[in-house]
């Protein structure tokens, strides 16, 4: 079978870390996050029906991201139990974030918020990716990971599902429960989903965390530090500052 170059799973230009196209992908993701933040109040003021349509559209788009990837695996003849199942942390976060958009579960929001955003951000900055722009896999990879971040921020900023310290604990529980399940699947399938049996072949944050299996313990420490800092910097400190500002205005009146 002859494939267009942008779909070919075998003969494609390799991905280069921090290449021009990679930096563009990072920049566009950052721009969309900033735009979501700037539009949060306007989106929040929309009617519940319109917001529901937005959530459903985003959820269908996210399910579609995984669906077209699975189709490409099959179309290209590269689908396998060892590499193609949606068992990576970001694949699980993608599907569960889409589900969150539909059911607005506070438990699911708490479990996914920090794990999903941190995992997707690290994947965007240090992708385990073999295809350069404009290959389909390059575009699908960055679109899917950006969607995770935008969906979780939408539910937080627009739908006002506010996190707490329990959300940090929830994200840690989610990561560890997912890791236990995925490790069992890795052993069963002789696979390496979530890199629980060895490091990826491409450069990643794991390279700084020591050899196997020490880097898994390093991931645990790194995760709880990152989740805690995210909560403090993005939510706890801004909310406290806003409270002080409001109190100051009340006192002035």
C-alpha atoms as a PDB file:
ATOM      1  CA  UNK A   1       0.000   0.000   0.000  1.00  0.00           C
ATOM      2  CA  UNK A   2       1.281   3.458  -0.966  1.00  0.00           C
ATOM      3  CA  UNK A   3       0.779   6.118   1.724  1.00  0.00           C
ATOM      4  CA  UNK A   4       0.839   9.911   1.360  1.00  0.00           C
ATOM      5  CA  UNK A   5       3.972  11.155   3.094  1.00  0.00           C
ATOM      6  CA  UNK A   6       1.951  12.890   5.811  1.00  0.00           C
ATOM      7  CA  UNK A   7       0.342   9.548   6.704  1.00  0.00           C
ATOM      8  CA  UNK A   8       3.208   7.139   6.084  1.00  0.00           C
ATOM      9  CA  UNK A   9       4.040   5.243   9.305  1.00  0.00           C
ATOM     10  CA  UNK A  10       7.426   4.082   7.999  1.00  0.00           C
ATOM     11  CA  UNK A  11       9.015   6.755   5.809  1.00  0.00           C
ATOM     12  CA  UNK A  12       8.655  10.092   7.571  1.00  0.00           C
ATOM     13  CA  UNK A  13      10.963  12.862   8.713  1.00  0.00           C
ATOM     14  CA  UNK A  14      11.951  12.192  12.358  1.00  0.00           C
ATOM     15  CA  UNK A  15      10.839  14.528  15.120  1.00  0.00           C
ATOM     16  CA  UNK A  16      13.478  16.933  16.434  1.00  0.00           C
ATOM     17  CA  UNK A  17      13.190  18.212  20.003  1.00  0.00           C
ATOM     18  CA  UNK A  18      12.782  22.005  20.147  1.00  0.00           C
ATOM     19  CA  UNK A  19      12.733  22.306  16.366  1.00  0.00           C
ATOM     20  CA  UNK A  20      10.854  25.261  14.853  1.00  0.00           C
ATOM     21  CA  UNK A  21       7.663  23.202  14.475  1.00  0.00           C
ATOM     22  CA  UNK A  22       7.956  21.924  18.067  1.00  0.00           C
ATOM     23  CA  UNK A  23       8.380  25.455  19.408  1.00  0.00           C
ATOM     24  CA  UNK A  24       5.360  26.561  17.366  1.00  0.00           C
ATOM     25  CA  UNK A  25       3.320  23.738  18.900  1.00  0.00           C
ATOM     26  CA  UNK A  26       4.382  24.798  22.413  1.00  0.00           C
ATOM     27  CA  UNK A  27       3.632  28.445  21.634  1.00  0.00           C
ATOM     28  CA  UNK A  28       0.186  27.723  20.172  1.00  0.00           C
ATOM     29  CA  UNK A  29      -0.711  25.618  23.213  1.00  0.00           C
ATOM     30  CA  UNK A  30       0.347  28.449  25.522  1.00  0.00           C
ATOM     31  CA  UNK A  31      -1.662  30.951  23.434  1.00  0.00           C
ATOM     32  CA  UNK A  32      -4.807  28.795  23.668  1.00  0.00           C
ATOM     33  CA  UNK A  33      -4.416  28.527  27.453  1.00  0.00           C
ATOM     34  CA  UNK A  34      -4.073  32.309  27.751  1.00  0.00           C
ATOM     35  CA  UNK A  35      -7.082  32.809  25.445  1.00  0.00           C
ATOM     36  CA  UNK A  36      -9.155  30.413  27.559  1.00  0.00           C
ATOM     37  CA  UNK A  37      -8.203  32.410  30.664  1.00  0.00           C
ATOM     38  CA  UNK A  38      -9.084  35.747  29.055  1.00  0.00           C
ATOM     39  CA  UNK A  39     -12.450  34.449  27.800  1.00  0.00           C
ATOM     40  CA  UNK A  40     -13.385  32.606  31.000  1.00  0.00           C
ATOM     41  CA  UNK A  41     -15.833  35.236  32.274  1.00  0.00           C
ATOM     42  CA  UNK A  42     -17.522  35.591  28.910  1.00  0.00           C
ATOM     43  CA  UNK A  43     -17.892  31.840  28.548  1.00  0.00           C
ATOM     44  CA  UNK A  44     -19.179  31.575  32.126  1.00  0.00           C
ATOM     45  CA  UNK A  45     -21.932  34.117  31.339  1.00  0.00           C
ATOM     46  CA  UNK A  46     -23.332  31.996  28.500  1.00  0.00           C
ATOM     47  CA  UNK A  47     -26.557  30.116  29.070  1.00  0.00           C
ATOM     48  CA  UNK A  48     -26.336  26.577  30.516  1.00  0.00           C
ATOM     49  CA  UNK A  49     -27.584  25.135  27.209  1.00  0.00           C
ATOM     50  CA  UNK A  50     -24.836  26.797  25.185  1.00  0.00           C
ATOM     51  CA  UNK A  51     -22.183  25.737  27.693  1.00  0.00           C
ATOM     52  CA  UNK A  52     -23.514  22.182  27.485  1.00  0.00           C
ATOM     53  CA  UNK A  53     -23.162  22.284  23.688  1.00  0.00           C
ATOM     54  CA  UNK A  54     -19.582  23.548  24.079  1.00  0.00           C
ATOM     55  CA  UNK A  55     -18.768  20.708  26.476  1.00  0.00           C
ATOM     56  CA  UNK A  56     -20.342  18.099  24.225  1.00  0.00           C
ATOM     57  CA  UNK A  57     -18.471  19.451  21.184  1.00  0.00           C
ATOM     58  CA  UNK A  58     -15.163  19.386  23.058  1.00  0.00           C
ATOM     59  CA  UNK A  59     -15.838  15.863  24.337  1.00  0.00           C
ATOM     60  CA  UNK A  60     -16.698  14.538  20.863  1.00  0.00           C
ATOM     61  CA  UNK A  61     -13.562  16.191  19.480  1.00  0.00           C
ATOM     62  CA  UNK A  62     -11.418  14.519  22.151  1.00  0.00           C
ATOM     63  CA  UNK A  63     -12.955  11.091  21.587  1.00  0.00           C
ATOM     64  CA  UNK A  64     -12.357  11.729  17.890  1.00  0.00           C
ATOM     65  CA  UNK A  65      -8.650  12.419  18.542  1.00  0.00           C
ATOM     66  CA  UNK A  66      -8.241   8.920  19.949  1.00  0.00           C
ATOM     67  CA  UNK A  67     -10.520   7.417  17.300  1.00  0.00           C
ATOM     68  CA  UNK A  68      -8.556   8.773  14.329  1.00  0.00           C
ATOM     69  CA  UNK A  69      -5.300   7.639  15.963  1.00  0.00           C
ATOM     70  CA  UNK A  70      -6.599   4.080  16.287  1.00  0.00           C
ATOM     71  CA  UNK A  71      -7.811   4.218  12.671  1.00  0.00           C
ATOM     72  CA  UNK A  72      -4.361   5.378  11.544  1.00  0.00           C
ATOM     73  CA  UNK A  73      -2.694   2.514  13.420  1.00  0.00           C
ATOM     74  CA  UNK A  74      -4.942   0.033  11.622  1.00  0.00           C
ATOM     75  CA  UNK A  75      -4.761   1.840   8.253  1.00  0.00           C
ATOM     76  CA  UNK A  76      -0.976   1.916   8.421  1.00  0.00           C
ATOM     77  CA  UNK A  77      -0.677  -1.704   9.538  1.00  0.00           C
ATOM     78  CA  UNK A  78       1.151  -0.735  12.738  1.00  0.00           C
ATOM     79  CA  UNK A  79      -1.563  -1.492  15.310  1.00  0.00           C
ATOM     80  CA  UNK A  80      -0.412  -3.845  18.077  1.00  0.00           C
ATOM     81  CA  UNK A  81      -1.394  -4.792  21.598  1.00  0.00           C
ATOM     82  CA  UNK A  82       2.069  -3.751  22.825  1.00  0.00           C
ATOM     83  CA  UNK A  83       1.977  -0.142  21.583  1.00  0.00           C
ATOM     84  CA  UNK A  84      -1.470   0.940  20.378  1.00  0.00           C
ATOM     85  CA  UNK A  85      -3.889   0.574  23.294  1.00  0.00           C
ATOM     86  CA  UNK A  86      -4.913   3.825  25.055  1.00  0.00           C
ATOM     87  CA  UNK A  87      -2.992   2.912  28.210  1.00  0.00           C
ATOM     88  CA  UNK A  88      -0.547   5.805  28.427  1.00  0.00           C
ATOM     89  CA  UNK A  89      -1.313   8.313  31.184  1.00  0.00           C
ATOM     90  CA  UNK A  90      -2.186  10.996  28.633  1.00  0.00           C
ATOM     91  CA  UNK A  91      -4.399   8.621  26.626  1.00  0.00           C
ATOM     92  CA  UNK A  92      -6.317   7.779  29.792  1.00  0.00           C
ATOM     93  CA  UNK A  93      -6.468  11.480  30.715  1.00  0.00           C
ATOM     94  CA  UNK A  94      -7.765  12.342  27.233  1.00  0.00           C
ATOM     95  CA  UNK A  95     -10.653   9.875  27.389  1.00  0.00           C
ATOM     96  CA  UNK A  96     -11.520  10.584  31.016  1.00  0.00           C
ATOM     97  CA  UNK A  97     -11.355  14.366  30.485  1.00  0.00           C
ATOM     98  CA  UNK A  98     -13.828  13.949  27.620  1.00  0.00           C
ATOM     99  CA  UNK A  99     -16.052  11.972  29.980  1.00  0.00           C
ATOM    100  CA  UNK A 100     -15.691  14.726  32.595  1.00  0.00           C
ATOM    101  CA  UNK A 101     -16.991  17.262  30.071  1.00  0.00           C
ATOM    102  CA  UNK A 102     -20.119  15.130  29.715  1.00  0.00           C
ATOM    103  CA  UNK A 103     -20.846  14.141  33.319  1.00  0.00           C
ATOM    104  CA  UNK A 104     -19.276  17.051  35.286  1.00  0.00           C
ATOM    105  CA  UNK A 105     -18.159  14.650  38.014  1.00  0.00           C
ATOM    106  CA  UNK A 106     -16.372  16.483  40.830  1.00  0.00           C
ATOM    107  CA  UNK A 107     -14.562  13.282  41.779  1.00  0.00           C
ATOM    108  CA  UNK A 108     -13.289  12.879  38.228  1.00  0.00           C
ATOM    109  CA  UNK A 109     -12.257  16.538  38.082  1.00  0.00           C
ATOM    110  CA  UNK A 110     -10.318  16.155  41.325  1.00  0.00           C
ATOM    111  CA  UNK A 111      -8.594  13.008  40.055  1.00  0.00           C
ATOM    112  CA  UNK A 112      -7.645  14.425  36.655  1.00  0.00           C
ATOM    113  CA  UNK A 113      -6.918  18.120  37.170  1.00  0.00           C
ATOM    114  CA  UNK A 114      -3.261  18.107  38.162  1.00  0.00           C
ATOM    115  CA  UNK A 115      -2.312  14.708  36.750  1.00  0.00           C
ATOM    116  CA  UNK A 116      -3.841  15.514  33.376  1.00  0.00           C
ATOM    117  CA  UNK A 117      -2.434  19.015  33.035  1.00  0.00           C
ATOM    118  CA  UNK A 118       1.063  18.163  34.324  1.00  0.00           C
ATOM    119  CA  UNK A 119       1.291  14.989  32.230  1.00  0.00           C
ATOM    120  CA  UNK A 120       0.109  16.727  29.063  1.00  0.00           C
ATOM    121  CA  UNK A 121       2.470  19.680  29.593  1.00  0.00           C
ATOM    122  CA  UNK A 122       5.475  17.392  30.056  1.00  0.00           C
ATOM    123  CA  UNK A 123       4.475  15.437  26.960  1.00  0.00           C
ATOM    124  CA  UNK A 124       4.215  18.640  24.932  1.00  0.00           C
ATOM    125  CA  UNK A 125       7.627  19.889  26.095  1.00  0.00           C
ATOM    126  CA  UNK A 126       9.425  16.507  25.788  1.00  0.00           C
ATOM    127  CA  UNK A 127       7.341  14.397  23.372  1.00  0.00           C
ATOM    128  CA  UNK A 128       7.881  10.677  22.898  1.00  0.00           C
ATOM    129  CA  UNK A 129       7.218  11.137  19.194  1.00  0.00           C
ATOM    130  CA  UNK A 130       8.812   9.826  16.015  1.00  0.00           C
ATOM    131  CA  UNK A 131       7.225  12.075  13.391  1.00  0.00           C
ATOM    132  CA  UNK A 132       7.940  15.682  12.448  1.00  0.00           C
ATOM    133  CA  UNK A 133       5.494  18.298  11.152  1.00  0.00           C
ATOM    134  CA  UNK A 134       3.395  18.102   8.959  1.00  0.00           C
ATOM    135  CA  UNK A 135       2.887  14.385   9.602  1.00  0.00           C
ATOM    136  CA  UNK A 136      -0.555  13.346  10.868  1.00  0.00           C
ATOM    137  CA  UNK A 137       0.924  11.853  14.041  1.00  0.00           C
ATOM    138  CA  UNK A 138       2.663  15.127  14.918  1.00  0.00           C
ATOM    139  CA  UNK A 139      -0.558  17.108  14.574  1.00  0.00           C
ATOM    140  CA  UNK A 140      -2.687  14.507  16.375  1.00  0.00           C
ATOM    141  CA  UNK A 141      -0.191  14.280  19.250  1.00  0.00           C
ATOM    142  CA  UNK A 142      -0.111  17.988  20.046  1.00  0.00           C
ATOM    143  CA  UNK A 143      -3.825  18.567  19.421  1.00  0.00           C
ATOM    144  CA  UNK A 144      -4.768  15.697  21.757  1.00  0.00           C
ATOM    145  CA  UNK A 145      -2.455  16.825  24.563  1.00  0.00           C
ATOM    146  CA  UNK A 146      -3.517  20.471  24.269  1.00  0.00           C
ATOM    147  CA  UNK A 147      -7.151  19.298  24.407  1.00  0.00           C
ATOM    148  CA  UNK A 148      -6.552  17.647  27.779  1.00  0.00           C
ATOM    149  CA  UNK A 149      -5.258  20.890  29.271  1.00  0.00           C
ATOM    150  CA  UNK A 150      -8.001  23.045  27.750  1.00  0.00           C
ATOM    151  CA  UNK A 151     -10.790  20.678  28.820  1.00  0.00           C
ATOM    152  CA  UNK A 152      -9.614  20.577  32.436  1.00  0.00           C
ATOM    153  CA  UNK A 153      -9.092  24.341  32.569  1.00  0.00           C
ATOM    154  CA  UNK A 154     -12.527  24.883  31.000  1.00  0.00           C
ATOM    155  CA  UNK A 155     -14.158  22.814  33.729  1.00  0.00           C
ATOM    156  CA  UNK A 156     -12.195  24.765  36.345  1.00  0.00           C
ATOM    157  CA  UNK A 157     -12.396  28.329  35.013  1.00  0.00           C
ATOM    158  CA  UNK A 158     -15.764  28.273  33.240  1.00  0.00           C
ATOM    159  CA  UNK A 159     -17.777  25.565  35.016  1.00  0.00           C
ATOM    160  CA  UNK A 160     -16.178  26.664  38.315  1.00  0.00           C
ATOM    161  CA  UNK A 161     -15.243  23.244  39.636  1.00  0.00           C
ATOM    162  CA  UNK A 162     -12.790  24.577  42.189  1.00  0.00           C
ATOM    163  CA  UNK A 163      -9.900  22.383  43.359  1.00  0.00           C
ATOM    164  CA  UNK A 164      -8.602  21.981  46.911  1.00  0.00           C
ATOM    165  CA  UNK A 165      -5.777  20.116  48.601  1.00  0.00           C
ATOM    166  CA  UNK A 166      -7.968  17.049  48.200  1.00  0.00           C
ATOM    167  CA  UNK A 167      -7.508  17.465  44.441  1.00  0.00           C
ATOM    168  CA  UNK A 168      -3.750  16.982  44.871  1.00  0.00           C
ATOM    169  CA  UNK A 169      -4.444  13.778  46.765  1.00  0.00           C
ATOM    170  CA  UNK A 170      -7.041  12.771  44.177  1.00  0.00           C
ATOM    171  CA  UNK A 171      -4.576  13.220  41.324  1.00  0.00           C
ATOM    172  CA  UNK A 172      -1.931  11.190  43.167  1.00  0.00           C
ATOM    173  CA  UNK A 173      -4.445   8.392  43.771  1.00  0.00           C
ATOM    174  CA  UNK A 174      -5.477   8.447  40.118  1.00  0.00           C
ATOM    175  CA  UNK A 175      -1.885   8.237  38.898  1.00  0.00           C
ATOM    176  CA  UNK A 176      -1.032   5.344  41.208  1.00  0.00           C
ATOM    177  CA  UNK A 177      -4.225   3.400  40.536  1.00  0.00           C
ATOM    178  CA  UNK A 178      -3.689   3.848  36.802  1.00  0.00           C
ATOM    179  CA  UNK A 179      -0.049   2.765  37.150  1.00  0.00           C
ATOM    180  CA  UNK A 180      -0.993  -0.431  39.003  1.00  0.00           C
ATOM    181  CA  UNK A 181      -3.540  -1.363  36.356  1.00  0.00           C
ATOM    182  CA  UNK A 182      -1.249  -0.464  33.454  1.00  0.00           C
ATOM    183  CA  UNK A 183       1.723  -2.317  34.953  1.00  0.00           C
ATOM    184  CA  UNK A 184      -0.393  -5.465  35.161  1.00  0.00           C
ATOM    185  CA  UNK A 185      -1.286  -4.974  31.485  1.00  0.00           C
ATOM    186  CA  UNK A 186       2.384  -4.372  30.639  1.00  0.00           C
ATOM    187  CA  UNK A 187       3.364  -7.691  32.189  1.00  0.00           C
ATOM    188  CA  UNK A 188       0.457  -9.485  30.533  1.00  0.00           C
ATOM    189  CA  UNK A 189       1.140  -8.026  27.077  1.00  0.00           C
ATOM    190  CA  UNK A 190       4.945  -7.720  27.348  1.00  0.00           C
ATOM    191  CA  UNK A 191       4.499  -3.986  26.768  1.00  0.00           C
ATOM    192  CA  UNK A 192       5.840  -0.764  28.282  1.00  0.00           C
ATOM    193  CA  UNK A 193       2.854   1.546  28.623  1.00  0.00           C
ATOM    194  CA  UNK A 194       3.490   4.524  30.949  1.00  0.00           C
ATOM    195  CA  UNK A 195       7.192   3.515  30.781  1.00  0.00           C
ATOM    196  CA  UNK A 196       6.766   1.319  33.839  1.00  0.00           C
ATOM    197  CA  UNK A 197       9.253  -1.298  32.644  1.00  0.00           C
ATOM    198  CA  UNK A 198      11.936   0.900  31.073  1.00  0.00           C
ATOM    199  CA  UNK A 199      12.518   4.489  29.944  1.00  0.00           C
ATOM    200  CA  UNK A 200      11.441   5.804  26.531  1.00  0.00           C
ATOM    201  CA  UNK A 201      14.034   5.835  23.755  1.00  0.00           C
ATOM    202  CA  UNK A 202      13.610   9.574  23.218  1.00  0.00           C
ATOM    203  CA  UNK A 203      14.809  12.305  25.664  1.00  0.00           C
ATOM    204  CA  UNK A 204      12.405  12.922  28.546  1.00  0.00           C
ATOM    205  CA  UNK A 205      12.158  14.155  32.127  1.00  0.00           C
ATOM    206  CA  UNK A 206      12.765  10.538  33.250  1.00  0.00           C
ATOM    207  CA  UNK A 207      16.405  10.847  32.198  1.00  0.00           C
ATOM    208  CA  UNK A 208      16.979  13.063  35.238  1.00  0.00           C
ATOM    209  CA  UNK A 209      15.407  10.634  37.708  1.00  0.00           C
ATOM    210  CA  UNK A 210      17.933   7.797  37.727  1.00  0.00           C
ATOM    211  CA  UNK A 211      17.949   4.231  36.392  1.00  0.00           C
ATOM    212  CA  UNK A 212      15.105   1.698  36.470  1.00  0.00           C
ATOM    213  CA  UNK A 213      13.282   1.250  38.819  1.00  0.00           C
ATOM    214  CA  UNK A 214      14.462   4.282  40.814  1.00  0.00           C
ATOM    215  CA  UNK A 215      13.019   6.703  38.277  1.00  0.00           C
ATOM    216  CA  UNK A 216       9.523   5.434  39.143  1.00  0.00           C
ATOM    217  CA  UNK A 217      10.026   6.525  42.761  1.00  0.00           C
ATOM    218  CA  UNK A 218      11.437   9.779  41.428  1.00  0.00           C
ATOM    219  CA  UNK A 219       8.245  10.250  39.416  1.00  0.00           C
ATOM    220  CA  UNK A 220       6.193   9.875  42.593  1.00  0.00           C
ATOM    221  CA  UNK A 221       8.161  12.606  44.368  1.00  0.00           C
ATOM    222  CA  UNK A 222       8.168  14.845  41.288  1.00  0.00           C
ATOM    223  CA  UNK A 223       4.422  14.385  40.837  1.00  0.00           C
ATOM    224  CA  UNK A 224       3.458  15.390  44.359  1.00  0.00           C
ATOM    225  CA  UNK A 225       5.807  18.400  44.235  1.00  0.00           C
ATOM    226  CA  UNK A 226       4.436  19.555  40.859  1.00  0.00           C
ATOM    227  CA  UNK A 227       0.793  18.970  41.835  1.00  0.00           C
ATOM    228  CA  UNK A 228       1.275  20.893  45.100  1.00  0.00           C
ATOM    229  CA  UNK A 229       3.027  23.799  43.362  1.00  0.00           C
ATOM    230  CA  UNK A 230       0.301  23.926  40.712  1.00  0.00           C
ATOM    231  CA  UNK A 231      -2.374  24.154  43.376  1.00  0.00           C
ATOM    232  CA  UNK A 232      -0.502  26.846  45.313  1.00  0.00           C
ATOM    233  CA  UNK A 233       0.482  29.010  42.329  1.00  0.00           C
ATOM    234  CA  UNK A 234      -2.671  28.650  40.236  1.00  0.00           C
ATOM    235  CA  UNK A 235      -5.393  28.497  42.884  1.00  0.00           C
ATOM    236  CA  UNK A 236      -4.533  28.856  46.587  1.00  0.00           C
ATOM    237  CA  UNK A 237      -2.360  31.997  46.411  1.00  0.00           C
ATOM    238  CA  UNK A 238      -4.490  33.864  43.780  1.00  0.00           C
ATOM    239  CA  UNK A 239      -7.681  33.126  45.744  1.00  0.00           C
ATOM    240  CA  UNK A 240      -6.116  34.407  48.968  1.00  0.00           C
ATOM    241  CA  UNK A 241      -4.926  37.578  47.208  1.00  0.00           C
ATOM    242  CA  UNK A 242      -8.402  38.131  45.742  1.00  0.00           C
ATOM    243  CA  UNK A 243      -9.933  37.715  49.201  1.00  0.00           C
ATOM    244  CA  UNK A 244      -7.569  40.328  50.647  1.00  0.00           C
ATOM    245  CA  UNK A 245      -8.347  42.752  47.817  1.00  0.00           C
ATOM    246  CA  UNK A 246     -12.093  42.349  48.383  1.00  0.00           C
ATOM    247  CA  UNK A 247     -11.673  42.875  52.127  1.00  0.00           C
ATOM    248  CA  UNK A 248      -9.621  45.987  51.466  1.00  0.00           C
ATOM    249  CA  UNK A 249     -12.316  47.432  49.195  1.00  0.00           C
ATOM    250  CA  UNK A 250     -15.001  46.632  51.777  1.00  0.00           C
ATOM    251  CA  UNK A 251     -12.996  48.376  54.497  1.00  0.00           C
ATOM    252  CA  UNK A 252     -12.509  51.420  52.288  1.00  0.00           C
ATOM    253  CA  UNK A 253     -16.250  51.701  51.782  1.00  0.00           C
END
